[in-house]
Amino acid sequence: MSTDISVIEFKKRLDAGENLNIVDVRESYEFEEFNLNGLLIPLGDLPGRWEEISEWKDQEIIVHCKSGARSGTAKLFLEQLGFTQVRNLLGGVLDYKVHFGSDED
């Protein structure tokens, strides 16, 4: 089980240009409003689409949603499938916007 990641650590790694495996489990309308350049797989679609990220099974994956609840569920689901390094973005997009703002504000 992997430890989760704070928005502070996440932003530092983004700013450093790291190539991160990011999965956004929000709905498409949320993604269109504001996104962190992750792969959009809404939580409800994940059981039918997880194979799209199967090559990341042994790599770090950062899952996120609006607040961290849906991505927490996604993390557990992926771990049950054998994904070894899934990290939930704590506080989700809401916390990210609190710390770093957004273009929409």
C-alpha atoms as a PDB file:
ATOM      1  CA  MET A   1       0.000   0.000   0.000  1.00  0.00           C
ATOM      2  CA  SER A   2       1.423   3.329  -1.071  1.00  0.00           C
ATOM      3  CA  THR A   3       1.378   6.505   0.936  1.00  0.00           C
ATOM      4  CA  ASP A   4      -0.794   9.304  -0.349  1.00  0.00           C
ATOM      5  CA  ILE A   5       0.577  12.564  -1.729  1.00  0.00           C
ATOM      6  CA  SER A   6      -0.053  16.168  -0.676  1.00  0.00           C
ATOM      7  CA  VAL A   7      -0.851  18.876  -3.211  1.00  0.00           C
ATOM      8  CA  ILE A   8       2.385  20.613  -2.139  1.00  0.00           C
ATOM      9  CA  GLU A   9       4.553  17.611  -3.065  1.00  0.00           C
ATOM     10  CA  PHE A  10       2.495  17.034  -6.222  1.00  0.00           C
ATOM     11  CA  LYS A  11       2.948  20.644  -7.423  1.00  0.00           C
ATOM     12  CA  LYS A  12       6.692  20.557  -6.696  1.00  0.00           C
ATOM     13  CA  ARG A  13       7.027  17.462  -8.841  1.00  0.00           C
ATOM     14  CA  LEU A  14       4.907  18.966 -11.644  1.00  0.00           C
ATOM     15  CA  ASP A  15       6.986  22.154 -11.569  1.00  0.00           C
ATOM     16  CA  ALA A  16      10.170  20.059 -11.727  1.00  0.00           C
ATOM     17  CA  GLY A  17       8.924  18.591 -14.998  1.00  0.00           C
ATOM     18  CA  GLU A  18       8.530  15.046 -13.736  1.00  0.00           C
ATOM     19  CA  ASN A  19       6.615  12.735 -16.022  1.00  0.00           C
ATOM     20  CA  LEU A  20       3.816  11.632 -13.680  1.00  0.00           C
ATOM     21  CA  ASN A  21       1.145   9.002 -14.256  1.00  0.00           C
ATOM     22  CA  ILE A  22      -1.988  10.941 -13.267  1.00  0.00           C
ATOM     23  CA  VAL A  23      -5.517   9.559 -13.360  1.00  0.00           C
ATOM     24  CA  ASP A  24      -8.443  11.945 -12.877  1.00  0.00           C
ATOM     25  CA  VAL A  25     -11.502  10.018 -11.655  1.00  0.00           C
ATOM     26  CA  ARG A  26     -13.927  12.958 -11.790  1.00  0.00           C
ATOM     27  CA  GLU A  27     -16.681  13.355 -14.362  1.00  0.00           C
ATOM     28  CA  SER A  28     -15.957  14.856 -17.788  1.00  0.00           C
ATOM     29  CA  TYR A  29     -17.737  18.153 -17.013  1.00  0.00           C
ATOM     30  CA  GLU A  30     -15.465  18.609 -13.953  1.00  0.00           C
ATOM     31  CA  PHE A  31     -12.405  17.805 -16.048  1.00  0.00           C
ATOM     32  CA  GLU A  32     -13.444  20.380 -18.667  1.00  0.00           C
ATOM     33  CA  GLU A  33     -13.777  23.084 -15.996  1.00  0.00           C
ATOM     34  CA  PHE A  34     -10.319  22.497 -14.496  1.00  0.00           C
ATOM     35  CA  ASN A  35      -7.823  19.682 -14.856  1.00  0.00           C
ATOM     36  CA  LEU A  36      -4.310  18.731 -13.869  1.00  0.00           C
ATOM     37  CA  ASN A  37      -3.479  17.135 -17.229  1.00  0.00           C
ATOM     38  CA  GLY A  38      -4.221  13.612 -16.091  1.00  0.00           C
ATOM     39  CA  LEU A  39      -5.925  10.815 -17.952  1.00  0.00           C
ATOM     40  CA  LEU A  40      -9.678  11.127 -17.435  1.00  0.00           C
ATOM     41  CA  ILE A  41     -11.291   7.863 -16.314  1.00  0.00           C
ATOM     42  CA  PRO A  42     -14.389   8.673 -14.244  1.00  0.00           C
ATOM     43  CA  LEU A  43     -14.693   6.468 -11.158  1.00  0.00           C
ATOM     44  CA  GLY A  44     -17.824   4.785 -12.513  1.00  0.00           C
ATOM     45  CA  ASP A  45     -15.945   3.847 -15.695  1.00  0.00           C
ATOM     46  CA  LEU A  46     -12.837   2.540 -13.947  1.00  0.00           C
ATOM     47  CA  PRO A  47     -13.982  -1.100 -13.636  1.00  0.00           C
ATOM     48  CA  GLY A  48     -14.379  -1.263 -17.418  1.00  0.00           C
ATOM     49  CA  ARG A  49     -11.380   0.864 -18.347  1.00  0.00           C
ATOM     50  CA  TRP A  50      -8.593   0.003 -15.864  1.00  0.00           C
ATOM     51  CA  GLU A  51      -6.786  -2.000 -18.543  1.00  0.00           C
ATOM     52  CA  GLU A  52      -6.001   1.321 -20.274  1.00  0.00           C
ATOM     53  CA  ILE A  53      -3.458   1.918 -17.499  1.00  0.00           C
ATOM     54  CA  SER A  54      -2.354  -1.688 -16.999  1.00  0.00           C
ATOM     55  CA  GLU A  55       1.173  -0.813 -18.174  1.00  0.00           C
ATOM     56  CA  TRP A  56       1.433   1.364 -15.046  1.00  0.00           C
ATOM     57  CA  LYS A  57       0.757  -1.590 -12.710  1.00  0.00           C
ATOM     58  CA  ASP A  58       4.213  -1.396 -11.112  1.00  0.00           C
ATOM     59  CA  GLN A  59       4.724   2.348 -11.572  1.00  0.00           C
ATOM     60  CA  GLU A  60       3.620   5.216  -9.383  1.00  0.00           C
ATOM     61  CA  ILE A  61       0.106   6.385 -10.238  1.00  0.00           C
ATOM     62  CA  ILE A  62      -1.428   9.506  -8.716  1.00  0.00           C
ATOM     63  CA  VAL A  63      -5.224   9.394  -8.645  1.00  0.00           C
ATOM     64  CA  HIS A  64      -7.263  12.485  -7.914  1.00  0.00           C
ATOM     65  CA  CYS A  65     -10.787  13.849  -7.829  1.00  0.00           C
ATOM     66  CA  LYS A  66     -12.453  16.951  -6.423  1.00  0.00           C
ATOM     67  CA  SER A  67     -11.839  16.287  -2.718  1.00  0.00           C
ATOM     68  CA  GLY A  68      -9.995  12.977  -2.414  1.00  0.00           C
ATOM     69  CA  ALA A  69     -12.988  10.721  -1.673  1.00  0.00           C
ATOM     70  CA  ARG A  70     -13.592   9.222  -5.122  1.00  0.00           C
ATOM     71  CA  SER A  71      -9.871   8.903  -5.729  1.00  0.00           C
ATOM     72  CA  GLY A  72      -9.550   7.071  -2.396  1.00  0.00           C
ATOM     73  CA  THR A  73     -12.080   4.548  -3.693  1.00  0.00           C
ATOM     74  CA  ALA A  74     -10.198   4.343  -7.005  1.00  0.00           C
ATOM     75  CA  LYS A  75      -6.929   3.730  -5.145  1.00  0.00           C
ATOM     76  CA  LEU A  76      -8.436   0.794  -3.233  1.00  0.00           C
ATOM     77  CA  PHE A  77      -9.927  -0.646  -6.424  1.00  0.00           C
ATOM     78  CA  LEU A  78      -6.627  -0.459  -8.303  1.00  0.00           C
ATOM     79  CA  GLU A  79      -4.718  -1.964  -5.374  1.00  0.00           C
ATOM     80  CA  GLN A  80      -7.146  -4.896  -5.368  1.00  0.00           C
ATOM     81  CA  LEU A  81      -6.226  -5.425  -9.035  1.00  0.00           C
ATOM     82  CA  GLY A  82      -2.543  -5.596  -8.110  1.00  0.00           C
ATOM     83  CA  PHE A  83      -1.408  -2.033  -8.817  1.00  0.00           C
ATOM     84  CA  THR A  84       1.500  -1.519  -6.433  1.00  0.00           C
ATOM     85  CA  GLN A  85       2.167   2.236  -6.212  1.00  0.00           C
ATOM     86  CA  VAL A  86      -1.174   4.055  -6.236  1.00  0.00           C
ATOM     87  CA  ARG A  87      -1.197   7.388  -4.403  1.00  0.00           C
ATOM     88  CA  ASN A  88      -4.262   9.504  -3.656  1.00  0.00           C
ATOM     89  CA  LEU A  89      -3.900  13.278  -4.059  1.00  0.00           C
ATOM     90  CA  LEU A  90      -5.000  14.428  -0.622  1.00  0.00           C
ATOM     91  CA  GLY A  91      -7.665  17.124  -0.756  1.00  0.00           C
ATOM     92  CA  GLY A  92      -7.969  16.764  -4.511  1.00  0.00           C
ATOM     93  CA  VAL A  93      -8.571  19.666  -6.858  1.00  0.00           C
ATOM     94  CA  LEU A  94     -10.200  21.694  -4.077  1.00  0.00           C
ATOM     95  CA  ASP A  95      -7.010  21.683  -2.005  1.00  0.00           C
ATOM     96  CA  TYR A  96      -4.885  22.276  -5.098  1.00  0.00           C
ATOM     97  CA  LYS A  97      -6.920  25.404  -5.912  1.00  0.00           C
ATOM     98  CA  VAL A  98      -6.666  26.628  -2.300  1.00  0.00           C
ATOM     99  CA  HIS A  99      -2.868  26.486  -2.463  1.00  0.00           C
ATOM    100  CA  PHE A 100      -2.198  27.386  -6.072  1.00  0.00           C
ATOM    101  CA  GLY A 101      -5.362  28.962  -7.486  1.00  0.00           C
ATOM    102  CA  SER A 102      -6.601  28.263 -10.975  1.00  0.00           C
ATOM    103  CA  ASP A 103      -6.954  30.037 -14.273  1.00  0.00           C
ATOM    104  CA  GLU A 104     -10.704  30.205 -13.749  1.00  0.00           C
ATOM    105  CA  ASP A 105     -10.503  32.270 -10.543  1.00  0.00           C
END
